[in-house]
N, C-alpha and C. Protein backbone atom coordinates (compact mmCIF):
# COMPACT_ATOMS: atom_id res chain seq x y z
N MET A 1 -37.61 37.57 -17.40
CA MET A 1 -36.54 37.71 -17.68
C MET A 1 -35.47 37.53 -16.29
N ASN A 2 -35.55 37.91 -14.98
CA ASN A 2 -34.94 37.76 -13.96
C ASN A 2 -34.66 36.33 -13.74
N CYS A 3 -35.80 35.41 -13.73
CA CYS A 3 -35.65 34.02 -14.04
C CYS A 3 -34.48 33.38 -15.01
N ILE A 4 -34.41 33.79 -16.19
CA ILE A 4 -33.99 33.59 -17.12
C ILE A 4 -32.43 33.76 -16.65
N ARG A 5 -32.00 34.70 -16.38
CA ARG A 5 -31.00 35.55 -15.74
C ARG A 5 -30.15 34.97 -14.76
N THR A 6 -31.12 34.36 -14.11
CA THR A 6 -30.64 33.54 -12.56
C THR A 6 -30.13 32.19 -13.11
N ALA A 7 -31.13 31.34 -13.89
CA ALA A 7 -30.88 30.08 -14.17
C ALA A 7 -29.67 29.97 -15.05
N ALA A 8 -29.27 31.22 -15.61
CA ALA A 8 -28.01 31.33 -16.41
C ALA A 8 -26.82 31.12 -15.57
N VAL A 9 -27.00 32.33 -14.73
CA VAL A 9 -25.93 32.55 -13.49
C VAL A 9 -25.62 31.01 -12.74
N THR A 10 -26.64 30.33 -12.19
CA THR A 10 -26.42 29.51 -11.41
C THR A 10 -26.09 28.10 -12.21
N ALA A 11 -26.31 28.11 -13.86
CA ALA A 11 -25.72 27.33 -14.53
C ALA A 11 -24.22 27.06 -14.88
N ALA A 12 -23.74 28.75 -14.67
CA ALA A 12 -22.34 28.81 -14.66
C ALA A 12 -21.64 28.80 -13.39
N ALA A 13 -22.15 29.13 -12.37
CA ALA A 13 -21.53 28.54 -11.30
C ALA A 13 -21.42 27.08 -10.90
N VAL A 14 -22.62 26.45 -11.24
CA VAL A 14 -22.28 24.83 -11.25
C VAL A 14 -21.13 24.53 -12.32
N GLY A 15 -21.38 24.85 -13.52
CA GLY A 15 -20.29 24.58 -14.72
C GLY A 15 -19.01 24.48 -13.84
N LEU A 16 -18.67 26.11 -13.47
CA LEU A 16 -17.58 26.07 -12.68
C LEU A 16 -16.80 25.12 -11.76
N THR A 17 -18.02 25.20 -11.02
CA THR A 17 -17.53 24.35 -9.71
C THR A 17 -17.19 22.59 -10.37
N ILE A 18 -17.99 21.96 -11.59
CA ILE A 18 -17.64 20.89 -11.58
C ILE A 18 -16.49 21.02 -12.35
N ALA A 19 -15.75 22.07 -13.27
CA ALA A 19 -14.71 22.05 -13.76
C ALA A 19 -13.78 22.34 -12.83
N SER A 20 -13.60 23.35 -11.60
CA SER A 20 -12.87 23.26 -10.45
C SER A 20 -12.45 21.84 -9.68
N PHE A 21 -13.53 20.86 -9.63
CA PHE A 21 -13.62 19.69 -9.15
C PHE A 21 -12.83 18.56 -10.19
N THR A 22 -13.00 18.92 -11.32
CA THR A 22 -12.07 17.81 -12.37
C THR A 22 -10.99 18.20 -12.43
N SER A 23 -10.82 19.53 -12.33
CA SER A 23 -9.04 20.11 -12.35
C SER A 23 -8.18 19.67 -11.23
N ALA A 24 -9.14 19.39 -10.03
CA ALA A 24 -8.58 19.25 -8.77
C ALA A 24 -7.91 17.52 -8.74
N THR A 25 -9.21 16.88 -9.26
CA THR A 25 -9.03 15.73 -9.25
C THR A 25 -8.32 14.96 -10.05
N ALA A 26 -7.77 15.67 -11.28
CA ALA A 26 -6.60 15.28 -12.33
C ALA A 26 -5.48 15.62 -11.91
N ALA A 27 -5.32 16.61 -10.92
CA ALA A 27 -3.92 17.20 -10.34
C ALA A 27 -3.70 16.41 -9.25
N ALA A 28 -4.46 15.38 -8.59
CA ALA A 28 -4.18 14.57 -7.37
C ALA A 28 -3.04 13.58 -7.80
N PRO A 29 -1.88 13.48 -6.83
CA PRO A 29 -0.87 12.68 -7.44
C PRO A 29 -1.24 11.16 -7.38
N VAL A 30 -0.79 10.40 -8.21
CA VAL A 30 -0.94 9.08 -8.22
C VAL A 30 0.00 8.47 -7.39
N ALA A 31 -0.73 7.79 -6.29
CA ALA A 31 0.40 6.99 -5.71
C ALA A 31 1.27 5.94 -6.05
N PRO A 32 2.55 5.47 -6.04
CA PRO A 32 2.93 4.70 -6.27
C PRO A 32 2.58 3.16 -6.03
N LYS A 33 2.67 2.31 -7.12
CA LYS A 33 2.05 0.87 -6.31
C LYS A 33 3.49 -0.01 -6.04
N PHE A 34 3.07 -0.84 -4.99
CA PHE A 34 3.94 -1.75 -4.63
C PHE A 34 3.65 -3.34 -5.33
N LEU A 35 4.58 -3.93 -4.83
CA LEU A 35 4.84 -5.18 -5.16
C LEU A 35 3.82 -6.56 -4.50
N SER A 36 3.05 -7.51 -5.14
CA SER A 36 2.43 -8.38 -4.56
C SER A 36 3.08 -9.57 -3.91
N ALA A 37 2.60 -10.02 -3.40
CA ALA A 37 3.18 -11.41 -2.69
C ALA A 37 3.66 -12.48 -3.81
N SER A 38 2.84 -12.58 -5.00
CA SER A 38 3.27 -13.43 -5.94
C SER A 38 4.47 -12.89 -7.11
N GLN A 39 4.55 -11.71 -6.49
CA GLN A 39 6.04 -11.48 -7.31
C GLN A 39 7.25 -11.32 -6.80
N LEU A 40 7.35 -11.68 -5.58
CA LEU A 40 8.42 -12.18 -4.88
C LEU A 40 9.08 -13.60 -5.43
N PRO A 41 10.96 -13.35 -5.21
CA PRO A 41 11.31 -14.85 -5.86
C PRO A 41 10.63 -15.99 -5.06
N ALA A 42 10.33 -17.09 -5.97
CA ALA A 42 9.87 -18.24 -5.75
C ALA A 42 10.39 -18.86 -4.12
N SER A 43 9.70 -19.34 -3.48
CA SER A 43 10.14 -19.97 -2.13
C SER A 43 9.34 -21.17 -1.87
N ILE A 44 10.17 -22.30 -1.09
CA ILE A 44 9.57 -23.48 -0.49
C ILE A 44 7.99 -23.22 0.11
N SER A 45 8.05 -22.05 0.86
CA SER A 45 6.47 -21.83 1.38
C SER A 45 5.90 -20.57 0.43
N PRO A 46 4.57 -20.47 0.84
CA PRO A 46 4.11 -19.22 -0.14
C PRO A 46 4.43 -18.26 0.91
N TRP A 47 4.27 -16.86 0.05
CA TRP A 47 4.66 -15.50 0.31
C TRP A 47 3.61 -14.96 0.96
N HIS A 48 3.65 -14.12 1.81
CA HIS A 48 2.53 -13.41 2.61
C HIS A 48 2.78 -11.77 2.35
N ALA A 49 1.79 -10.76 1.88
CA ALA A 49 2.24 -9.68 1.67
C ALA A 49 1.29 -8.75 2.96
N ASP A 50 1.94 -7.82 3.79
CA ASP A 50 1.44 -7.14 4.72
C ASP A 50 0.34 -6.33 3.96
N PRO A 51 -0.47 -5.22 4.78
CA PRO A 51 -0.65 -3.79 4.19
C PRO A 51 0.48 -3.13 3.92
N VAL A 52 0.14 -2.30 2.97
CA VAL A 52 0.91 -0.98 2.64
C VAL A 52 0.74 -0.13 3.95
N GLN A 53 2.22 0.56 4.46
CA GLN A 53 2.03 1.65 5.65
C GLN A 53 2.56 2.61 5.25
N GLN A 54 2.00 3.66 5.96
CA GLN A 54 2.32 5.04 5.59
C GLN A 54 3.94 4.91 6.55
N GLY A 55 4.73 5.98 6.00
CA GLY A 55 5.98 6.38 6.93
C GLY A 55 7.00 4.86 6.69
N LEU A 56 7.87 4.96 7.66
CA LEU A 56 8.83 3.99 8.07
C LEU A 56 8.41 3.27 8.79
N PRO A 57 9.33 1.95 9.20
CA PRO A 57 8.88 0.62 10.01
C PRO A 57 9.70 1.27 11.23
N ASP A 58 9.02 0.90 12.17
CA ASP A 58 9.95 1.05 13.84
C ASP A 58 11.25 0.26 13.82
N SER A 59 10.92 -0.89 13.23
CA SER A 59 12.06 -1.86 13.21
C SER A 59 13.15 -1.53 11.76
N GLY A 60 13.89 -0.27 11.59
CA GLY A 60 14.39 -0.22 10.49
C GLY A 60 15.23 -1.17 9.78
N SER A 61 15.28 -1.16 8.56
CA SER A 61 16.12 -1.63 7.80
C SER A 61 17.49 -1.68 8.04
N VAL A 62 18.33 -2.44 8.34
CA VAL A 62 19.74 -2.51 8.76
C VAL A 62 20.62 -1.76 8.27
N CYS A 63 20.46 -1.91 6.58
CA CYS A 63 21.29 -0.90 5.74
C CYS A 63 21.02 0.42 5.64
N THR A 64 20.05 0.44 5.52
CA THR A 64 19.30 1.77 4.85
C THR A 64 18.46 2.97 6.01
N GLU A 65 18.60 2.19 7.32
CA GLU A 65 17.90 3.05 8.45
C GLU A 65 18.48 4.35 8.60
N GLY A 66 17.43 5.42 8.43
CA GLY A 66 17.73 6.77 8.84
C GLY A 66 18.04 7.63 7.67
N ILE A 67 17.80 6.87 6.51
CA ILE A 67 18.15 7.59 5.33
C ILE A 67 16.88 8.32 4.25
N ALA A 68 16.06 7.48 4.27
CA ALA A 68 14.72 8.18 3.61
C ALA A 68 13.59 8.90 4.33
N PRO A 69 13.34 10.18 3.96
CA PRO A 69 12.31 10.90 4.80
C PRO A 69 11.26 10.05 5.04
N LYS A 70 10.82 10.12 6.27
CA LYS A 70 9.54 9.24 6.73
C LYS A 70 8.34 10.02 6.11
N ALA A 71 8.07 11.25 5.91
CA ALA A 71 6.69 11.98 5.74
C ALA A 71 6.53 11.48 4.32
N SER A 72 7.30 11.23 3.52
CA SER A 72 7.30 11.02 2.09
C SER A 72 7.28 9.40 1.79
N SER A 73 7.63 8.90 2.34
CA SER A 73 7.92 6.96 2.47
C SER A 73 6.39 6.34 2.73
N ARG A 74 6.52 5.07 2.18
CA ARG A 74 5.56 3.94 2.60
C ARG A 74 6.41 2.79 2.33
N TYR A 75 5.79 1.54 2.98
CA TYR A 75 6.65 0.39 2.97
C TYR A 75 5.60 -0.90 3.26
N ARG A 76 6.05 -2.00 2.96
CA ARG A 76 5.17 -3.06 2.61
C ARG A 76 6.47 -4.47 2.93
N ASP A 77 5.87 -5.12 4.24
CA ASP A 77 6.73 -6.25 4.60
C ASP A 77 6.01 -7.52 3.76
N PHE A 78 6.68 -8.36 3.67
CA PHE A 78 6.28 -9.68 3.05
C PHE A 78 7.03 -10.78 3.98
N ARG A 79 6.65 -12.14 4.11
CA ARG A 79 7.04 -13.27 4.99
C ARG A 79 6.58 -14.23 4.61
N THR A 80 7.39 -15.35 4.73
CA THR A 80 6.94 -16.88 4.50
C THR A 80 6.89 -17.55 5.89
N GLU A 81 6.47 -19.07 5.71
CA GLU A 81 6.22 -19.74 7.00
C GLU A 81 7.90 -20.04 7.46
N LEU A 82 8.73 -20.06 6.28
CA LEU A 82 10.07 -20.05 6.99
C LEU A 82 11.14 -19.00 7.38
N ASP A 83 11.88 -18.76 7.86
CA ASP A 83 12.64 -17.63 8.00
C ASP A 83 13.44 -17.18 6.60
N THR A 84 12.32 -16.50 6.02
CA THR A 84 12.50 -15.93 4.81
C THR A 84 11.63 -14.33 4.97
N GLY A 85 12.12 -13.56 4.50
CA GLY A 85 11.73 -12.03 4.74
C GLY A 85 11.73 -11.38 3.77
N ALA A 86 10.87 -10.20 3.49
CA ALA A 86 11.20 -9.38 2.45
C ALA A 86 10.57 -7.91 2.65
N ARG A 87 11.15 -6.61 2.35
CA ARG A 87 10.36 -5.75 2.47
C ARG A 87 10.60 -4.42 1.12
N GLN A 88 9.69 -4.04 1.04
CA GLN A 88 9.85 -2.91 -0.17
C GLN A 88 9.42 -1.47 0.29
N THR A 89 10.25 -0.48 0.38
CA THR A 89 10.07 0.87 0.74
C THR A 89 10.22 1.98 -0.44
N THR A 90 9.12 2.58 -0.51
CA THR A 90 9.42 3.52 -1.44
C THR A 90 8.94 4.93 -1.09
N THR A 91 9.69 5.98 -1.67
CA THR A 91 9.83 7.31 -1.24
C THR A 91 9.66 8.07 -2.18
N VAL A 92 8.82 9.15 -2.51
CA VAL A 92 8.48 10.13 -3.42
C VAL A 92 9.18 11.49 -3.07
N ALA A 93 10.23 11.81 -3.95
CA ALA A 93 10.83 12.93 -3.52
C ALA A 93 10.20 14.41 -4.16
N SER A 94 10.40 15.29 -3.74
CA SER A 94 9.80 16.71 -4.42
C SER A 94 10.47 17.11 -5.75
N SER A 95 11.40 16.25 -6.34
CA SER A 95 12.18 16.84 -7.09
C SER A 95 12.76 15.51 -8.18
N GLU A 96 12.99 15.45 -9.30
CA GLU A 96 13.90 14.22 -9.67
C GLU A 96 15.24 14.54 -9.15
N ALA A 97 15.87 15.60 -9.33
CA ALA A 97 17.08 15.72 -8.52
C ALA A 97 17.43 15.27 -7.05
N ARG A 98 16.36 15.36 -6.45
CA ARG A 98 16.81 14.94 -5.21
C ARG A 98 16.39 13.52 -4.86
N ALA A 99 15.36 12.81 -5.66
CA ALA A 99 15.26 11.50 -5.91
C ALA A 99 16.62 10.83 -6.47
N LYS A 100 17.29 11.49 -7.26
CA LYS A 100 18.46 10.78 -7.73
C LYS A 100 19.66 10.94 -6.64
N ALA A 101 19.57 11.74 -5.81
CA ALA A 101 20.41 11.99 -4.71
C ALA A 101 20.04 10.87 -3.81
N LEU A 102 18.80 10.90 -3.40
CA LEU A 102 18.50 9.86 -2.59
C LEU A 102 19.13 8.60 -2.77
N ALA A 103 18.70 8.21 -4.05
CA ALA A 103 18.99 6.72 -4.92
C ALA A 103 20.59 6.67 -4.56
N ALA A 104 21.10 7.72 -4.76
CA ALA A 104 22.69 7.33 -4.67
C ALA A 104 23.25 7.29 -3.48
N LYS A 105 22.64 7.80 -2.29
CA LYS A 105 22.97 7.83 -0.88
C LYS A 105 22.40 6.59 -0.30
N LEU A 106 21.07 5.76 -0.77
CA LEU A 106 20.71 4.45 -0.56
C LEU A 106 21.82 3.66 -0.83
N ARG A 107 22.34 3.74 -1.96
CA ARG A 107 23.40 2.42 -2.94
C ARG A 107 24.59 2.66 -1.92
N THR A 108 25.19 4.03 -1.64
CA THR A 108 26.52 4.00 -0.65
C THR A 108 26.43 3.44 0.52
N ALA A 109 25.02 3.64 1.01
CA ALA A 109 24.84 3.01 2.27
C ALA A 109 24.43 1.45 2.32
N ILE A 110 24.23 0.79 1.15
CA ILE A 110 24.36 -0.61 1.21
C ILE A 110 25.69 -1.05 0.94
N GLU A 111 26.49 -0.58 -0.06
CA GLU A 111 27.85 -0.58 -0.18
C GLU A 111 28.83 -0.68 0.60
N GLY A 112 28.47 0.35 2.11
CA GLY A 112 29.28 0.26 3.40
C GLY A 112 28.58 -0.38 4.37
N CYS A 113 27.61 -1.14 4.10
CA CYS A 113 26.67 -2.14 5.21
C CYS A 113 27.23 -2.99 5.81
N LEU A 114 28.18 -3.81 5.14
CA LEU A 114 28.95 -4.74 5.76
C LEU A 114 29.70 -4.52 6.71
N GLU A 115 30.78 -3.44 6.42
CA GLU A 115 32.02 -2.75 7.18
C GLU A 115 31.14 -2.39 8.43
N ARG A 116 29.92 -1.63 8.53
CA ARG A 116 29.33 -1.03 9.56
C ARG A 116 29.05 -2.22 10.52
N LEU A 117 28.36 -3.41 9.71
CA LEU A 117 28.07 -4.38 10.49
C LEU A 117 29.22 -5.55 11.12
N LYS A 118 30.13 -5.46 10.82
CA LYS A 118 31.35 -5.80 11.54
C LYS A 118 31.70 -4.91 12.57
N GLU A 119 31.63 -3.67 12.66
CA GLU A 119 32.03 -2.88 13.86
C GLU A 119 31.40 -3.45 14.94
N GLN A 120 30.03 -3.06 14.64
CA GLN A 120 28.85 -3.19 15.50
C GLN A 120 29.10 -4.77 16.17
N ASN A 121 29.63 -5.93 15.57
CA ASN A 121 29.47 -7.05 15.64
C ASN A 121 30.69 -8.03 15.74
N PRO A 122 31.90 -7.80 16.60
CA PRO A 122 32.91 -8.21 16.49
C PRO A 122 32.75 -9.76 16.47
N GLY A 123 33.68 -10.31 15.50
CA GLY A 123 33.78 -11.44 15.23
C GLY A 123 32.79 -11.94 14.01
N LEU A 124 32.19 -11.02 13.31
CA LEU A 124 31.16 -11.25 12.20
C LEU A 124 32.16 -11.49 10.92
N GLU A 125 31.79 -12.26 10.19
CA GLU A 125 32.47 -12.38 8.91
C GLU A 125 31.69 -12.19 7.55
N GLY A 126 31.81 -11.96 6.42
CA GLY A 126 31.16 -11.80 5.58
C GLY A 126 31.69 -11.29 4.29
N GLU A 127 31.04 -11.47 3.11
CA GLU A 127 31.39 -10.89 1.88
C GLU A 127 30.30 -9.98 1.41
N ALA A 128 30.45 -8.67 0.20
CA ALA A 128 29.27 -8.06 -0.03
C ALA A 128 29.84 -8.06 -1.78
N PHE A 129 28.40 -8.14 -2.89
CA PHE A 129 28.79 -8.28 -4.33
C PHE A 129 27.88 -7.08 -4.35
N TYR A 130 28.33 -6.42 -5.63
CA TYR A 130 27.54 -5.60 -6.71
C TYR A 130 27.28 -6.82 -7.68
N HIS A 131 25.91 -6.68 -7.94
CA HIS A 131 25.46 -7.92 -9.17
C HIS A 131 25.05 -6.98 -10.06
N GLY A 132 25.42 -5.48 -10.32
CA GLY A 132 24.79 -4.94 -11.72
C GLY A 132 23.67 -4.18 -11.73
N LYS A 133 23.53 -3.63 -12.63
CA LYS A 133 22.38 -2.57 -12.98
C LYS A 133 21.17 -3.40 -13.80
N VAL A 134 19.96 -3.23 -13.17
CA VAL A 134 18.58 -4.48 -13.95
C VAL A 134 18.51 -2.69 -14.77
N ASN A 135 17.79 -3.23 -15.98
CA ASN A 135 17.59 -2.32 -17.13
C ASN A 135 15.83 -1.95 -17.15
N VAL A 136 15.60 -1.14 -16.13
CA VAL A 136 13.99 -0.73 -16.21
C VAL A 136 14.19 0.77 -15.74
N GLU A 137 13.26 1.92 -16.56
CA GLU A 137 13.27 2.77 -16.08
C GLU A 137 14.48 3.73 -15.81
N GLU A 138 14.83 4.59 -14.76
CA GLU A 138 16.25 4.77 -14.71
C GLU A 138 17.19 3.91 -13.95
N GLY A 139 16.93 2.51 -13.84
CA GLY A 139 17.37 1.51 -13.33
C GLY A 139 17.31 1.00 -11.82
N ALA A 140 17.87 -0.34 -11.69
CA ALA A 140 17.81 -0.74 -10.24
C ALA A 140 19.04 -1.60 -9.93
N HIS A 141 19.46 -1.38 -9.06
CA HIS A 141 20.69 -1.70 -9.00
C HIS A 141 20.72 -2.67 -7.72
N VAL A 142 21.26 -3.95 -8.14
CA VAL A 142 21.34 -5.07 -7.11
C VAL A 142 22.60 -5.54 -6.30
N TYR A 143 22.57 -5.53 -5.02
CA TYR A 143 23.68 -6.13 -4.18
C TYR A 143 23.18 -7.63 -3.35
N SER A 144 24.59 -7.91 -2.80
CA SER A 144 24.33 -8.98 -1.94
C SER A 144 25.04 -8.74 -0.86
N ILE A 145 24.54 -9.38 0.55
CA ILE A 145 25.39 -9.12 1.66
C ILE A 145 25.55 -10.61 2.21
N ASP A 146 26.40 -11.35 2.30
CA ASP A 146 26.42 -12.73 2.98
C ASP A 146 27.60 -12.64 4.19
N THR A 147 26.55 -12.81 5.40
CA THR A 147 27.37 -12.77 6.59
C THR A 147 27.47 -14.04 7.35
N SER A 148 28.49 -14.36 8.26
CA SER A 148 28.20 -15.50 8.92
C SER A 148 29.06 -15.00 10.37
N HIS A 149 28.49 -15.73 11.45
CA HIS A 149 29.33 -15.25 12.95
C HIS A 149 29.85 -16.83 13.37
N PRO A 150 31.08 -17.40 13.19
CA PRO A 150 31.42 -18.54 13.89
C PRO A 150 31.35 -18.98 14.86
N GLU A 151 31.20 -17.67 15.87
CA GLU A 151 31.30 -18.52 17.16
C GLU A 151 29.43 -18.76 17.52
N VAL A 152 28.52 -18.26 16.82
CA VAL A 152 27.46 -18.51 17.16
C VAL A 152 26.80 -19.63 15.97
N GLY A 153 27.58 -20.09 15.02
CA GLY A 153 27.03 -20.72 13.91
C GLY A 153 26.28 -20.44 13.13
N SER A 154 25.87 -19.05 12.82
CA SER A 154 24.76 -18.64 11.97
C SER A 154 25.45 -18.20 10.63
N THR A 155 24.67 -18.41 9.48
CA THR A 155 24.64 -17.65 8.58
C THR A 155 23.55 -16.87 7.81
N ASP A 156 23.65 -15.93 7.17
CA ASP A 156 22.59 -14.96 6.81
C ASP A 156 22.80 -14.58 5.44
N ILE A 157 21.92 -14.62 4.53
CA ILE A 157 22.05 -14.08 3.27
C ILE A 157 20.93 -12.77 2.82
N GLY A 158 21.66 -11.85 2.56
CA GLY A 158 20.33 -10.60 2.42
C GLY A 158 20.61 -9.75 0.83
N LEU A 159 19.77 -9.68 -0.17
CA LEU A 159 19.87 -9.45 -1.21
C LEU A 159 19.10 -7.79 -1.16
N TYR A 160 19.92 -6.68 -2.15
CA TYR A 160 19.25 -5.80 -1.89
C TYR A 160 18.92 -5.12 -3.36
N SER A 161 18.01 -4.14 -3.54
CA SER A 161 18.20 -3.44 -4.93
C SER A 161 17.48 -2.03 -4.39
N VAL A 162 18.28 -0.76 -5.23
CA VAL A 162 17.67 0.41 -5.33
C VAL A 162 17.47 1.02 -6.94
N GLY A 163 16.01 1.18 -6.63
CA GLY A 163 15.47 1.63 -8.34
C GLY A 163 14.92 2.61 -8.29
N ARG A 164 14.88 3.44 -9.49
CA ARG A 164 14.35 4.94 -9.42
C ARG A 164 13.67 5.06 -10.81
N ASP A 165 12.37 5.61 -10.70
CA ASP A 165 11.65 6.12 -11.66
C ASP A 165 11.26 7.64 -11.57
N GLY A 166 11.98 8.40 -12.18
CA GLY A 166 11.88 10.05 -12.22
C GLY A 166 11.94 10.23 -10.68
N ARG A 167 10.84 10.85 -10.01
CA ARG A 167 10.90 11.21 -8.58
C ARG A 167 10.71 10.11 -7.83
N THR A 168 10.34 8.98 -7.93
CA THR A 168 10.12 8.27 -7.01
C THR A 168 11.34 6.76 -6.97
N VAL A 169 11.75 6.58 -5.59
CA VAL A 169 12.78 5.63 -5.48
C VAL A 169 12.18 4.28 -4.53
N THR A 170 12.35 3.33 -5.00
CA THR A 170 12.00 2.19 -4.06
C THR A 170 13.37 1.37 -4.15
N VAL A 171 13.16 0.73 -2.58
CA VAL A 171 14.21 -0.14 -2.14
C VAL A 171 13.53 -1.25 -2.21
N LEU A 172 14.33 -2.65 -2.44
CA LEU A 172 13.77 -4.15 -2.08
C LEU A 172 14.74 -4.56 -1.08
N GLU A 173 14.23 -5.38 -0.24
CA GLU A 173 15.49 -6.09 0.75
C GLU A 173 14.81 -7.66 0.62
N TRP A 174 15.56 -8.35 0.50
CA TRP A 174 15.13 -9.89 0.79
C TRP A 174 16.29 -10.56 1.96
N GLY A 175 15.93 -11.59 2.51
CA GLY A 175 16.85 -11.90 3.40
C GLY A 175 16.25 -13.30 4.09
N GLN A 176 17.22 -14.43 4.23
CA GLN A 176 17.07 -15.64 4.91
C GLN A 176 18.28 -16.32 5.52
N MET A 177 17.97 -17.29 6.24
CA MET A 177 19.37 -17.85 6.68
C MET A 177 20.10 -18.51 5.46
N GLY A 178 21.19 -18.82 5.39
CA GLY A 178 21.83 -19.58 4.51
C GLY A 178 23.19 -18.47 3.77
N GLU A 179 23.51 -19.08 2.61
CA GLU A 179 24.48 -18.02 1.86
C GLU A 179 23.99 -17.92 0.47
N LEU A 180 24.83 -17.22 -0.20
CA LEU A 180 24.38 -16.68 -1.41
C LEU A 180 24.47 -17.57 -2.35
N ASP A 181 24.96 -18.82 -2.45
CA ASP A 181 24.83 -19.68 -3.61
C ASP A 181 23.51 -20.41 -3.08
N GLY A 182 22.63 -20.33 -2.37
CA GLY A 182 21.46 -20.70 -2.02
C GLY A 182 20.50 -19.53 -2.05
N ALA A 183 20.79 -18.53 -2.73
CA ALA A 183 19.54 -17.48 -2.58
C ALA A 183 19.13 -17.54 -4.23
N PRO A 184 17.86 -17.00 -4.38
CA PRO A 184 17.48 -16.85 -5.77
C PRO A 184 17.57 -15.25 -6.27
N LEU A 185 19.16 -15.39 -6.55
CA LEU A 185 19.60 -13.97 -7.05
C LEU A 185 19.00 -13.63 -8.45
N GLU A 186 18.59 -14.80 -9.37
CA GLU A 186 18.10 -14.25 -10.76
C GLU A 186 16.59 -13.74 -10.43
N GLY A 187 16.16 -14.47 -9.60
CA GLY A 187 14.53 -14.36 -9.48
C GLY A 187 14.19 -13.11 -8.77
N PHE A 188 15.33 -12.57 -7.86
CA PHE A 188 15.59 -11.47 -7.36
C PHE A 188 15.53 -9.84 -8.14
N LYS A 189 16.36 -10.42 -9.06
CA LYS A 189 16.76 -9.26 -10.07
C LYS A 189 15.51 -9.19 -10.98
N LYS A 190 14.61 -10.33 -11.36
CA LYS A 190 13.54 -9.87 -11.77
C LYS A 190 12.23 -9.09 -11.12
N THR A 191 12.59 -9.67 -9.83
CA THR A 191 11.48 -9.01 -8.98
C THR A 191 11.86 -7.49 -8.73
N ALA A 192 13.08 -7.04 -8.77
CA ALA A 192 13.72 -5.82 -8.47
C ALA A 192 13.30 -5.00 -9.99
N GLN A 193 13.20 -5.97 -11.01
CA GLN A 193 12.87 -5.13 -12.35
C GLN A 193 11.39 -4.68 -12.34
N VAL A 194 10.49 -5.71 -11.61
CA VAL A 194 9.03 -5.27 -11.31
C VAL A 194 8.69 -4.34 -10.45
N SER A 195 9.65 -4.33 -9.25
CA SER A 195 9.08 -3.18 -8.39
C SER A 195 9.57 -1.65 -9.05
N VAL A 196 10.19 -1.73 -10.10
CA VAL A 196 10.42 -0.19 -10.19
C VAL A 196 9.27 -0.15 -11.22
N ALA A 197 9.23 -1.01 -12.40
CA ALA A 197 8.42 -1.06 -13.70
C ALA A 197 6.80 -0.83 -13.02
N LYS A 198 6.36 -1.58 -12.05
CA LYS A 198 5.01 -1.48 -11.62
C LYS A 198 5.01 -0.18 -10.38
N LEU A 199 5.64 0.74 -10.47
CA LEU A 199 5.27 1.79 -9.63
C LEU A 199 4.30 2.75 -10.29
N TYR A 200 4.47 2.97 -11.59
CA TYR A 200 3.47 3.76 -12.30
C TYR A 200 2.96 3.24 -13.61
């Protein structure tokens, strides 16, 4: 009788442990996915993707540095053999309202980025444009910043998107030497759409 009762208690305890483990596993948050190198806009030379890193990069993004919280962010850098690079940064906020506020703050930072760059670099010239909203989840907003420094003789073009899916915000940055008319804007819009759609 005692053996039967002990076996029953043991079985119940094991069942409870398994149930607790299953519940904990089910409750574990799913980390958002990142773009792969093949999903970047077409380039003359192949894209290479670095591993996804925790936090924020030491060399911050020019337009959005210091805005996203480091503890809840991850990023991935992409590069080609030419002077073309890209970065995706993803932040998971504690609530959808905070994610919405973060996305708005990032968009404002990009919209004012050219003026800040001009203040920091006397002689810098440029144009900034908003290229509209890509229809995916809560949307992805696309921007371009075209800069030149006549004294140095350099021209650079940067494309940016800020997208959101629920509590998750992702920022995509792409840059190379050249001007807007030589940038893959339509390809970047498609990549921006994928960057949000692929998160979950």
